Amino acid sequence: MELLAFVTRIGFDSIVESFQVSELPHPSFLRTYHLASASEEIVRLLDQRLLAEPRYSYKVLDLAHERAPEQLTLAPHEAFQLGATALGAAEGIERVTRWFEERARPRD
């Protein structure tokens, strides 16, 4: 419920989901933009992705010494970026800062 409160209080209304679809030497990413009509939609999308089975790129690994550690990865990187289409960057940073400062204060 804290995530829902955070998304609502800050005013987030969109999310960009991205995951890596190819590796070195030319990494590339697929990005999907979602505009939400309610904070609950953002939280629902995050729940679906974070609780779902990871997207694995199955392959047989050749454990040769010339491979860099990042070339031996099994799962692509996945990331989420929250956004607020009607909020300026400075105001957004201020809201996020206030959110965390309020939680850092000791409760009476």
PDB file of N, CA and C in Angstrom:
ATOM      1  N   MET A   1       0.810  -1.199   0.000  1.00  0.00           N
ATOM      2  CA  MET A   1       0.000   0.000   0.000  1.00  0.00           C
ATOM      3  C   MET A   1       0.855   1.266   0.000  1.00  0.00           C
ATOM      4  N   GLU A   2       2.089   1.133   0.501  1.00  0.00           N
ATOM      5  CA  GLU A   2       2.968   2.297   0.536  1.00  0.00           C
ATOM      6  C   GLU A   2       3.332   2.744  -0.885  1.00  0.00           C
ATOM      7  N   LEU A   3       3.502   1.792  -1.799  1.00  0.00           N
ATOM      8  CA  LEU A   3       3.803   2.143  -3.183  1.00  0.00           C
ATOM      9  C   LEU A   3       2.648   2.935  -3.796  1.00  0.00           C
ATOM     10  N   LEU A   4       1.427   2.501  -3.554  1.00  0.00           N
ATOM     11  CA  LEU A   4       0.264   3.218  -4.061  1.00  0.00           C
ATOM     12  C   LEU A   4       0.212   4.636  -3.488  1.00  0.00           C
ATOM     13  N   ALA A   5       0.474   4.776  -2.200  1.00  0.00           N
ATOM     14  CA  ALA A   5       0.486   6.105  -1.576  1.00  0.00           C
ATOM     15  C   ALA A   5       1.567   6.982  -2.195  1.00  0.00           C
ATOM     16  N   PHE A   6       2.737   6.407  -2.448  1.00  0.00           N
ATOM     17  CA  PHE A   6       3.844   7.150  -3.049  1.00  0.00           C
ATOM     18  C   PHE A   6       3.474   7.630  -4.455  1.00  0.00           C
ATOM     19  N   VAL A   7       2.996   6.723  -5.294  1.00  0.00           N
ATOM     20  CA  VAL A   7       2.625   7.062  -6.675  1.00  0.00           C
ATOM     21  C   VAL A   7       1.548   8.143  -6.689  1.00  0.00           C
ATOM     22  N   THR A   8       0.567   8.021  -5.813  1.00  0.00           N
ATOM     23  CA  THR A   8      -0.524   8.988  -5.746  1.00  0.00           C
ATOM     24  C   THR A   8      -0.023  10.348  -5.267  1.00  0.00           C
ATOM     25  N   ARG A   9       0.745  10.364  -4.196  1.00  0.00           N
ATOM     26  CA  ARG A   9       1.217  11.619  -3.603  1.00  0.00           C
ATOM     27  C   ARG A   9       2.128  12.403  -4.537  1.00  0.00           C
ATOM     28  N   ILE A  10       2.992  11.704  -5.252  1.00  0.00           N
ATOM     29  CA  ILE A  10       3.910  12.379  -6.160  1.00  0.00           C
ATOM     30  C   ILE A  10       3.179  12.866  -7.403  1.00  0.00           C
ATOM     31  N   GLY A  11       2.182  12.129  -7.841  1.00  0.00           N
ATOM     32  CA  GLY A  11       1.434  12.509  -9.036  1.00  0.00           C
ATOM     33  C   GLY A  11       1.888  11.788 -10.291  1.00  0.00           C
ATOM     34  N   PHE A  12       2.484  10.607 -10.117  1.00  0.00           N
ATOM     35  CA  PHE A  12       2.910   9.831 -11.279  1.00  0.00           C
ATOM     36  C   PHE A  12       1.685   9.371 -12.065  1.00  0.00           C
ATOM     37  N   ASP A  13       1.778   9.479 -13.395  1.00  0.00           N
ATOM     38  CA  ASP A  13       0.665   9.034 -14.235  1.00  0.00           C
ATOM     39  C   ASP A  13       1.130   8.230 -15.439  1.00  0.00           C
ATOM     40  N   SER A  14       2.416   7.896 -15.474  1.00  0.00           N
ATOM     41  CA  SER A  14       2.922   7.098 -16.588  1.00  0.00           C
ATOM     42  C   SER A  14       4.109   6.263 -16.130  1.00  0.00           C
ATOM     43  N   ILE A  15       4.403   5.258 -16.923  1.00  0.00           N
ATOM     44  CA  ILE A  15       5.530   4.376 -16.614  1.00  0.00           C
ATOM     45  C   ILE A  15       6.127   3.891 -17.926  1.00  0.00           C
ATOM     46  N   VAL A  16       7.451   3.821 -17.957  1.00  0.00           N
ATOM     47  CA  VAL A  16       8.160   3.264 -19.101  1.00  0.00           C
ATOM     48  C   VAL A  16       8.814   1.975 -18.630  1.00  0.00           C
ATOM     49  N   GLU A  17       8.460   0.894 -19.294  1.00  0.00           N
ATOM     50  CA  GLU A  17       9.036  -0.422 -18.994  1.00  0.00           C
ATOM     51  C   GLU A  17      10.090  -0.692 -20.061  1.00  0.00           C
ATOM     52  N   SER A  18      11.285  -1.059 -19.647  1.00  0.00           N
ATOM     53  CA  SER A  18      12.317  -1.363 -20.630  1.00  0.00           C
ATOM     54  C   SER A  18      13.053  -2.636 -20.227  1.00  0.00           C
ATOM     55  N   PHE A  19      13.450  -3.396 -21.228  1.00  0.00           N
ATOM     56  CA  PHE A  19      14.279  -4.564 -20.956  1.00  0.00           C
ATOM     57  C   PHE A  19      15.234  -4.787 -22.112  1.00  0.00           C
ATOM     58  N   GLN A  20      16.372  -5.358 -21.784  1.00  0.00           N
ATOM     59  CA  GLN A  20      17.424  -5.576 -22.752  1.00  0.00           C
ATOM     60  C   GLN A  20      17.061  -6.739 -23.659  1.00  0.00           C
ATOM     61  N   VAL A  21      17.162  -6.523 -24.973  1.00  0.00           N
ATOM     62  CA  VAL A  21      16.829  -7.574 -25.934  1.00  0.00           C
ATOM     63  C   VAL A  21      18.048  -8.119 -26.660  1.00  0.00           C
ATOM     64  N   SER A  22      19.182  -7.424 -26.573  1.00  0.00           N
ATOM     65  CA  SER A  22      20.414  -7.967 -27.138  1.00  0.00           C
ATOM     66  C   SER A  22      21.582  -7.540 -26.265  1.00  0.00           C
ATOM     67  N   GLU A  23      22.647  -8.301 -26.387  1.00  0.00           N
ATOM     68  CA  GLU A  23      23.794  -8.095 -25.517  1.00  0.00           C
ATOM     69  C   GLU A  23      24.934  -7.425 -26.265  1.00  0.00           C
ATOM     70  N   LEU A  24      26.104  -7.508 -25.665  1.00  0.00           N
ATOM     71  CA  LEU A  24      27.305  -6.925 -26.263  1.00  0.00           C
ATOM     72  C   LEU A  24      27.608  -7.600 -27.589  1.00  0.00           C
ATOM     73  N   PRO A  25      28.193  -6.998 -28.546  1.00  0.00           N
ATOM     74  CA  PRO A  25      28.813  -5.674 -28.470  1.00  0.00           C
ATOM     75  C   PRO A  25      27.845  -4.528 -28.742  1.00  0.00           C
ATOM     76  N   HIS A  26      26.613  -4.822 -29.118  1.00  0.00           N
ATOM     77  CA  HIS A  26      25.641  -3.771 -29.421  1.00  0.00           C
ATOM     78  C   HIS A  26      24.372  -3.984 -28.595  1.00  0.00           C
ATOM     79  N   PRO A  27      24.390  -3.606 -27.310  1.00  0.00           N
ATOM     80  CA  PRO A  27      23.188  -3.800 -26.499  1.00  0.00           C
ATOM     81  C   PRO A  27      22.036  -2.941 -27.015  1.00  0.00           C
ATOM     82  N   SER A  28      20.855  -3.504 -27.014  1.00  0.00           N
ATOM     83  CA  SER A  28      19.679  -2.726 -27.389  1.00  0.00           C
ATOM     84  C   SER A  28      18.550  -3.063 -26.421  1.00  0.00           C
ATOM     85  N   PHE A  29      17.615  -2.127 -26.312  1.00  0.00           N
ATOM     86  CA  PHE A  29      16.541  -2.230 -25.339  1.00  0.00           C
ATOM     87  C   PHE A  29      15.201  -2.011 -26.020  1.00  0.00           C
ATOM     88  N   LEU A  30      14.189  -2.684 -25.527  1.00  0.00           N
ATOM     89  CA  LEU A  30      12.820  -2.479 -25.962  1.00  0.00           C
ATOM     90  C   LEU A  30      12.125  -1.694 -24.863  1.00  0.00           C
ATOM     91  N   ARG A  31      11.488  -0.591 -25.222  1.00  0.00           N
ATOM     92  CA  ARG A  31      10.807   0.255 -24.235  1.00  0.00           C
ATOM     93  C   ARG A  31       9.323   0.338 -24.573  1.00  0.00           C
ATOM     94  N   THR A  32       8.507   0.223 -23.543  1.00  0.00           N
ATOM     95  CA  THR A  32       7.060   0.324 -23.698  1.00  0.00           C
ATOM     96  C   THR A  32       6.548   1.416 -22.779  1.00  0.00           C
ATOM     97  N   TYR A  33       5.820   2.368 -23.344  1.00  0.00           N
ATOM     98  CA  TYR A  33       5.271   3.497 -22.587  1.00  0.00           C
ATOM     99  C   TYR A  33       3.824   3.199 -22.219  1.00  0.00           C
ATOM    100  N   HIS A  34       3.485   3.410 -20.960  1.00  0.00           N
ATOM    101  CA  HIS A  34       2.114   3.205 -20.485  1.00  0.00           C
ATOM    102  C   HIS A  34       1.634   4.504 -19.832  1.00  0.00           C
ATOM    103  N   LEU A  35       0.528   5.048 -20.299  1.00  0.00           N
ATOM    104  CA  LEU A  35      -0.106   6.200 -19.660  1.00  0.00           C
ATOM    105  C   LEU A  35      -1.266   5.665 -18.835  1.00  0.00           C
ATOM    106  N   ALA A  36      -1.261   5.960 -17.544  1.00  0.00           N
ATOM    107  CA  ALA A  36      -2.258   5.399 -16.628  1.00  0.00           C
ATOM    108  C   ALA A  36      -3.309   6.442 -16.289  1.00  0.00           C
ATOM    109  N   SER A  37      -4.546   6.011 -16.186  1.00  0.00           N
ATOM    110  CA  SER A  37      -5.622   6.928 -15.794  1.00  0.00           C
ATOM    111  C   SER A  37      -5.754   7.016 -14.278  1.00  0.00           C
ATOM    112  N   ALA A  38      -5.093   6.093 -13.562  1.00  0.00           N
ATOM    113  CA  ALA A  38      -5.150   6.098 -12.098  1.00  0.00           C
ATOM    114  C   ALA A  38      -3.868   5.481 -11.538  1.00  0.00           C
ATOM    115  N   SER A  39      -3.528   5.892 -10.337  1.00  0.00           N
ATOM    116  CA  SER A  39      -2.329   5.371  -9.671  1.00  0.00           C
ATOM    117  C   SER A  39      -2.381   3.855  -9.525  1.00  0.00           C
ATOM    118  N   GLU A  40      -3.571   3.323  -9.310  1.00  0.00           N
ATOM    119  CA  GLU A  40      -3.734   1.881  -9.155  1.00  0.00           C
ATOM    120  C   GLU A  40      -3.258   1.118 -10.388  1.00  0.00           C
ATOM    121  N   GLU A  41      -3.409   1.709 -11.577  1.00  0.00           N
ATOM    122  CA  GLU A  41      -2.955   1.052 -12.811  1.00  0.00           C
ATOM    123  C   GLU A  41      -1.441   0.890 -12.820  1.00  0.00           C
ATOM    124  N   ILE A  42      -0.724   1.911 -12.350  1.00  0.00           N
ATOM    125  CA  ILE A  42       0.735   1.837 -12.300  1.00  0.00           C
ATOM    126  C   ILE A  42       1.163   0.733 -11.343  1.00  0.00           C
ATOM    127  N   VAL A  43       0.567   0.699 -10.170  1.00  0.00           N
ATOM    128  CA  VAL A  43       0.913  -0.315  -9.173  1.00  0.00           C
ATOM    129  C   VAL A  43       0.559  -1.706  -9.691  1.00  0.00           C
ATOM    130  N   ARG A  44      -0.559  -1.846 -10.358  1.00  0.00           N
ATOM    131  CA  ARG A  44      -0.973  -3.136 -10.921  1.00  0.00           C
ATOM    132  C   ARG A  44       0.041  -3.613 -11.965  1.00  0.00           C
ATOM    133  N   LEU A  45       0.492  -2.708 -12.836  1.00  0.00           N
ATOM    134  CA  LEU A  45       1.478  -3.080 -13.840  1.00  0.00           C
ATOM    135  C   LEU A  45       2.785  -3.527 -13.187  1.00  0.00           C
ATOM    136  N   LEU A  46       3.242  -2.794 -12.180  1.00  0.00           N
ATOM    137  CA  LEU A  46       4.462  -3.179 -11.468  1.00  0.00           C
ATOM    138  C   LEU A  46       4.307  -4.531 -10.789  1.00  0.00           C
ATOM    139  N   ASP A  47       3.159  -4.744 -10.162  1.00  0.00           N
ATOM    140  CA  ASP A  47       2.901  -6.042  -9.526  1.00  0.00           C
ATOM    141  C   ASP A  47       2.959  -7.179 -10.536  1.00  0.00           C
ATOM    142  N   GLN A  48       2.340  -6.981 -11.689  1.00  0.00           N
ATOM    143  CA  GLN A  48       2.328  -8.025 -12.719  1.00  0.00           C
ATOM    144  C   GLN A  48       3.729  -8.359 -13.189  1.00  0.00           C
ATOM    145  N   ARG A  49       4.548  -7.328 -13.412  1.00  0.00           N
ATOM    146  CA  ARG A  49       5.901  -7.562 -13.919  1.00  0.00           C
ATOM    147  C   ARG A  49       6.834  -8.091 -12.847  1.00  0.00           C
ATOM    148  N   LEU A  50       6.736  -7.589 -11.633  1.00  0.00           N
ATOM    149  CA  LEU A  50       7.677  -8.006 -10.597  1.00  0.00           C
ATOM    150  C   LEU A  50       7.356  -9.385 -10.044  1.00  0.00           C
ATOM    151  N   LEU A  51       6.109  -9.811 -10.150  1.00  0.00           N
ATOM    152  CA  LEU A  51       5.726 -11.130  -9.664  1.00  0.00           C
ATOM    153  C   LEU A  51       5.715 -12.185 -10.768  1.00  0.00           C
ATOM    154  N   ALA A  52       5.815 -11.733 -12.004  1.00  0.00           N
ATOM    155  CA  ALA A  52       5.779 -12.668 -13.132  1.00  0.00           C
ATOM    156  C   ALA A  52       7.115 -13.393 -13.258  1.00  0.00           C
ATOM    157  N   GLU A  53       7.120 -14.474 -14.013  1.00  0.00           N
ATOM    158  CA  GLU A  53       8.354 -15.200 -14.276  1.00  0.00           C
ATOM    159  C   GLU A  53       9.309 -14.275 -15.032  1.00  0.00           C
ATOM    160  N   PRO A  54      10.581 -14.277 -14.661  1.00  0.00           N
ATOM    161  CA  PRO A  54      11.552 -13.442 -15.391  1.00  0.00           C
ATOM    162  C   PRO A  54      11.630 -13.857 -16.851  1.00  0.00           C
ATOM    163  N   ARG A  55      11.941 -12.891 -17.700  1.00  0.00           N
ATOM    164  CA  ARG A  55      12.108 -13.166 -19.123  1.00  0.00           C
ATOM    165  C   ARG A  55      13.541 -13.639 -19.339  1.00  0.00           C
ATOM    166  N   TYR A  56      13.687 -14.927 -19.563  1.00  0.00           N
ATOM    167  CA  TYR A  56      15.031 -15.481 -19.727  1.00  0.00           C
ATOM    168  C   TYR A  56      15.368 -15.613 -21.202  1.00  0.00           C
ATOM    169  N   SER A  57      16.598 -15.372 -21.509  1.00  0.00           N
ATOM    170  CA  SER A  57      17.099 -15.677 -22.852  1.00  0.00           C
ATOM    171  C   SER A  57      17.965 -16.920 -22.694  1.00  0.00           C
ATOM    172  N   TYR A  58      17.387 -18.072 -23.005  1.00  0.00           N
ATOM    173  CA  TYR A  58      18.084 -19.333 -22.812  1.00  0.00           C
ATOM    174  C   TYR A  58      19.151 -19.513 -23.884  1.00  0.00           C
ATOM    175  N   LYS A  59      20.289 -19.950 -23.466  1.00  0.00           N
ATOM    176  CA  LYS A  59      21.354 -20.235 -24.399  1.00  0.00           C
ATOM    177  C   LYS A  59      22.358 -21.155 -23.717  1.00  0.00           C
ATOM    178  N   VAL A  60      23.106 -21.840 -24.512  1.00  0.00           N
ATOM    179  CA  VAL A  60      24.170 -22.676 -23.983  1.00  0.00           C
ATOM    180  C   VAL A  60      25.390 -21.780 -23.839  1.00  0.00           C
ATOM    181  N   LEU A  61      25.975 -21.789 -22.668  1.00  0.00           N
ATOM    182  CA  LEU A  61      27.115 -20.921 -22.421  1.00  0.00           C
ATOM    183  C   LEU A  61      28.416 -21.641 -22.751  1.00  0.00           C
ATOM    184  N   ASP A  62      29.196 -21.008 -23.562  1.00  0.00           N
ATOM    185  CA  ASP A  62      30.547 -21.479 -23.827  1.00  0.00           C
ATOM    186  C   ASP A  62      31.430 -20.763 -22.816  1.00  0.00           C
ATOM    187  N   LEU A  63      31.960 -21.465 -21.866  1.00  0.00           N
ATOM    188  CA  LEU A  63      32.703 -20.841 -20.783  1.00  0.00           C
ATOM    189  C   LEU A  63      34.169 -20.596 -21.160  1.00  0.00           C
ATOM    190  N   ALA A  64      34.391 -20.139 -22.367  1.00  0.00           N
ATOM    191  CA  ALA A  64      35.741 -19.820 -22.819  1.00  0.00           C
ATOM    192  C   ALA A  64      36.257 -18.602 -22.062  1.00  0.00           C
ATOM    193  N   HIS A  65      37.551 -18.531 -21.902  1.00  0.00           N
ATOM    194  CA  HIS A  65      38.164 -17.454 -21.124  1.00  0.00           C
ATOM    195  C   HIS A  65      38.037 -16.089 -21.779  1.00  0.00           C
ATOM    196  N   GLU A  66      37.849 -16.018 -23.098  1.00  0.00           N
ATOM    197  CA  GLU A  66      37.804 -14.725 -23.760  1.00  0.00           C
ATOM    198  C   GLU A  66      36.468 -13.994 -23.577  1.00  0.00           C
ATOM    199  N   ARG A  67      35.504 -14.621 -22.980  1.00  0.00           N
ATOM    200  CA  ARG A  67      34.209 -13.971 -22.757  1.00  0.00           C
ATOM    201  C   ARG A  67      34.251 -13.089 -21.519  1.00  0.00           C
ATOM    202  N   ALA A  68      33.691 -11.898 -21.644  1.00  0.00           N
ATOM    203  CA  ALA A  68      33.590 -10.988 -20.507  1.00  0.00           C
ATOM    204  C   ALA A  68      32.429 -11.447 -19.624  1.00  0.00           C
ATOM    205  N   PRO A  69      32.460 -11.155 -18.318  1.00  0.00           N
ATOM    206  CA  PRO A  69      31.378 -11.585 -17.423  1.00  0.00           C
ATOM    207  C   PRO A  69      29.993 -11.121 -17.886  1.00  0.00           C
ATOM    208  N   GLU A  70      29.904  -9.906 -18.450  1.00  0.00           N
ATOM    209  CA  GLU A  70      28.586  -9.423 -18.881  1.00  0.00           C
ATOM    210  C   GLU A  70      28.057 -10.175 -20.093  1.00  0.00           C
ATOM    211  N   GLN A  71      28.905 -10.931 -20.783  1.00  0.00           N
ATOM    212  CA  GLN A  71      28.446 -11.736 -21.910  1.00  0.00           C
ATOM    213  C   GLN A  71      27.892 -13.085 -21.454  1.00  0.00           C
ATOM    214  N   LEU A  72      28.050 -13.407 -20.185  1.00  0.00           N
ATOM    215  CA  LEU A  72      27.592 -14.687 -19.658  1.00  0.00           C
ATOM    216  C   LEU A  72      26.248 -14.574 -18.945  1.00  0.00           C
ATOM    217  N   THR A  73      25.558 -13.483 -19.128  1.00  0.00           N
ATOM    218  CA  THR A  73      24.294 -13.258 -18.434  1.00  0.00           C
ATOM    219  C   THR A  73      23.193 -14.168 -18.983  1.00  0.00           C
ATOM    220  N   LEU A  74      22.290 -14.600 -18.114  1.00  0.00           N
ATOM    221  CA  LEU A  74      21.167 -15.441 -18.536  1.00  0.00           C
ATOM    222  C   LEU A  74      19.879 -14.653 -18.701  1.00  0.00           C
ATOM    223  N   ALA A  75      19.706 -13.594 -17.910  1.00  0.00           N
ATOM    224  CA  ALA A  75      18.453 -12.840 -17.941  1.00  0.00           C
ATOM    225  C   ALA A  75      18.721 -11.396 -18.353  1.00  0.00           C
ATOM    226  N   PRO A  76      17.870 -10.844 -19.201  1.00  0.00           N
ATOM    227  CA  PRO A  76      18.053  -9.445 -19.594  1.00  0.00           C
ATOM    228  C   PRO A  76      17.724  -8.505 -18.438  1.00  0.00           C
ATOM    229  N   HIS A  77      18.286  -7.336 -18.486  1.00  0.00           N
ATOM    230  CA  HIS A  77      17.981  -6.323 -17.475  1.00  0.00           C
ATOM    231  C   HIS A  77      16.606  -5.745 -17.755  1.00  0.00           C
ATOM    232  N   GLU A  78      15.859  -5.515 -16.714  1.00  0.00           N
ATOM    233  CA  GLU A  78      14.527  -4.928 -16.859  1.00  0.00           C
ATOM    234  C   GLU A  78      14.430  -3.761 -15.891  1.00  0.00           C
ATOM    235  N   ALA A  79      13.852  -2.664 -16.363  1.00  0.00           N
ATOM    236  CA  ALA A  79      13.768  -1.466 -15.531  1.00  0.00           C
ATOM    237  C   ALA A  79      12.437  -0.762 -15.754  1.00  0.00           C
ATOM    238  N   PHE A  80      12.062   0.047 -14.772  1.00  0.00           N
ATOM    239  CA  PHE A  80      10.829   0.824 -14.841  1.00  0.00           C
ATOM    240  C   PHE A  80      11.151   2.262 -14.473  1.00  0.00           C
ATOM    241  N   GLN A  81      10.580   3.198 -15.208  1.00  0.00           N
ATOM    242  CA  GLN A  81      10.740   4.617 -14.913  1.00  0.00           C
ATOM    243  C   GLN A  81       9.359   5.219 -14.774  1.00  0.00           C
ATOM    244  N   LEU A  82       9.113   5.805 -13.613  1.00  0.00           N
ATOM    245  CA  LEU A  82       7.829   6.463 -13.380  1.00  0.00           C
ATOM    246  C   LEU A  82       7.903   7.887 -13.892  1.00  0.00           C
ATOM    247  N   GLY A  83       6.786   8.399 -14.396  1.00  0.00           N
ATOM    248  CA  GLY A  83       6.752   9.763 -14.913  1.00  0.00           C
ATOM    249  C   GLY A  83       5.463  10.464 -14.535  1.00  0.00           C
ATOM    250  N   ALA A  84       5.524  11.784 -14.601  1.00  0.00           N
ATOM    251  CA  ALA A  84       4.350  12.620 -14.335  1.00  0.00           C
ATOM    252  C   ALA A  84       4.249  13.624 -15.469  1.00  0.00           C
ATOM    253  N   THR A  85       3.289  13.440 -16.352  1.00  0.00           N
ATOM    254  CA  THR A  85       3.195  14.265 -17.556  1.00  0.00           C
ATOM    255  C   THR A  85       2.806  15.711 -17.267  1.00  0.00           C
ATOM    256  N   ALA A  86       2.135  15.967 -16.148  1.00  0.00           N
ATOM    257  CA  ALA A  86       1.681  17.324 -15.836  1.00  0.00           C
ATOM    258  C   ALA A  86       2.507  17.971 -14.729  1.00  0.00           C
ATOM    259  N   LEU A  87       3.716  17.486 -14.512  1.00  0.00           N
ATOM    260  CA  LEU A  87       4.536  17.960 -13.402  1.00  0.00           C
ATOM    261  C   LEU A  87       5.934  18.276 -13.912  1.00  0.00           C
ATOM    262  N   GLY A  88       6.434  19.455 -13.551  1.00  0.00           N
ATOM    263  CA  GLY A  88       7.792  19.822 -13.939  1.00  0.00           C
ATOM    264  C   GLY A  88       8.815  19.035 -13.143  1.00  0.00           C
ATOM    265  N   ALA A  89      10.032  18.940 -13.682  1.00  0.00           N
ATOM    266  CA  ALA A  89      11.080  18.155 -13.031  1.00  0.00           C
ATOM    267  C   ALA A  89      11.408  18.684 -11.637  1.00  0.00           C
ATOM    268  N   ALA A  90      11.526  19.991 -11.482  1.00  0.00           N
ATOM    269  CA  ALA A  90      11.881  20.571 -10.179  1.00  0.00           C
ATOM    270  C   ALA A  90      10.819  20.256  -9.133  1.00  0.00           C
ATOM    271  N   GLU A  91       9.559  20.391  -9.504  1.00  0.00           N
ATOM    272  CA  GLU A  91       8.469  20.092  -8.564  1.00  0.00           C
ATOM    273  C   GLU A  91       8.442  18.603  -8.241  1.00  0.00           C
ATOM    274  N   GLY A  92       8.691  17.763  -9.231  1.00  0.00           N
ATOM    275  CA  GLY A  92       8.726  16.326  -8.989  1.00  0.00           C
ATOM    276  C   GLY A  92       9.830  15.936  -8.022  1.00  0.00           C
ATOM    277  N   ILE A  93      11.008  16.506  -8.212  1.00  0.00           N
ATOM    278  CA  ILE A  93      12.131  16.220  -7.305  1.00  0.00           C
ATOM    279  C   ILE A  93      11.806  16.693  -5.902  1.00  0.00           C
ATOM    280  N   GLU A  94      11.191  17.859  -5.798  1.00  0.00           N
ATOM    281  CA  GLU A  94      10.806  18.389  -4.485  1.00  0.00           C
ATOM    282  C   GLU A  94       9.797  17.480  -3.790  1.00  0.00           C
ATOM    283  N   ARG A  95       8.817  16.989  -4.530  1.00  0.00           N
ATOM    284  CA  ARG A  95       7.805  16.092  -3.938  1.00  0.00           C
ATOM    285  C   ARG A  95       8.426  14.784  -3.455  1.00  0.00           C
ATOM    286  N   VAL A  96       9.317  14.219  -4.260  1.00  0.00           N
ATOM    287  CA  VAL A  96       9.969  12.963  -3.871  1.00  0.00           C
ATOM    288  C   VAL A  96      10.840  13.185  -2.640  1.00  0.00           C
ATOM    289  N   THR A  97      11.571  14.299  -2.620  1.00  0.00           N
ATOM    290  CA  THR A  97      12.424  14.622  -1.471  1.00  0.00           C
ATOM    291  C   THR A  97      11.586  14.755  -0.205  1.00  0.00           C
ATOM    292  N   ARG A  98      10.479  15.475  -0.293  1.00  0.00           N
ATOM    293  CA  ARG A  98       9.588  15.633   0.870  1.00  0.00           C
ATOM    294  C   ARG A  98       9.056  14.290   1.348  1.00  0.00           C
ATOM    295  N   TRP A  99       8.686  13.425   0.400  1.00  0.00           N
ATOM    296  CA  TRP A  99       8.155  12.095   0.741  1.00  0.00           C
ATOM    297  C   TRP A  99       9.141  11.338   1.622  1.00  0.00           C
ATOM    298  N   PHE A 100      10.390  11.296   1.201  1.00  0.00           N
ATOM    299  CA  PHE A 100      11.391  10.546   1.957  1.00  0.00           C
ATOM    300  C   PHE A 100      11.793  11.250   3.246  1.00  0.00           C
ATOM    301  N   GLU A 101      11.826  12.564   3.250  1.00  0.00           N
ATOM    302  CA  GLU A 101      12.136  13.300   4.480  1.00  0.00           C
ATOM    303  C   GLU A 101      11.071  13.058   5.532  1.00  0.00           C
ATOM    304  N   GLU A 102       9.809  13.034   5.136  1.00  0.00           N
ATOM    305  CA  GLU A 102       8.711  12.791   6.081  1.00  0.00           C
ATOM    306  C   GLU A 102       8.824  11.405   6.705  1.00  0.00           C
ATOM    307  N   ARG A 103       9.275  10.429   5.925  1.00  0.00           N
ATOM    308  CA  ARG A 103       9.405   9.068   6.453  1.00  0.00           C
ATOM    309  C   ARG A 103      10.660   8.887   7.306  1.00  0.00           C
ATOM    310  N   ALA A 104      11.644   9.765   7.134  1.00  0.00           N
ATOM    311  CA  ALA A 104      12.883   9.666   7.908  1.00  0.00           C
ATOM    312  C   ALA A 104      12.744  10.274   9.295  1.00  0.00           C
ATOM    313  N   ARG A 105      11.741  11.148   9.486  1.00  0.00           N
ATOM    314  CA  ARG A 105      11.531  11.764  10.791  1.00  0.00           C
ATOM    315  C   ARG A 105      11.033  10.734  11.794  1.00  0.00           C
ATOM    316  N   PRO A 106      11.533  10.818  13.018  1.00  0.00           N
ATOM    317  CA  PRO A 106      11.040   9.883  14.058  1.00  0.00           C
ATOM    318  C   PRO A 106       9.565  10.117  14.345  1.00  0.00           C
ATOM    319  N   ARG A 107       8.862   9.056  14.526  1.00  0.00           N
ATOM    320  CA  ARG A 107       7.426   9.121  14.872  1.00  0.00           C
ATOM    321  C   ARG A 107       7.280   9.277  16.379  1.00  0.00           C
ATOM    322  N   ASP A 108       6.351  10.098  16.813  1.00  0.00           N
ATOM    323  CA  ASP A 108       6.114  10.278  18.251  1.00  0.00           C
ATOM    324  C   ASP A 108       5.296   9.149  18.822  1.00  0.00           C
TER     325      ASP A 108
END
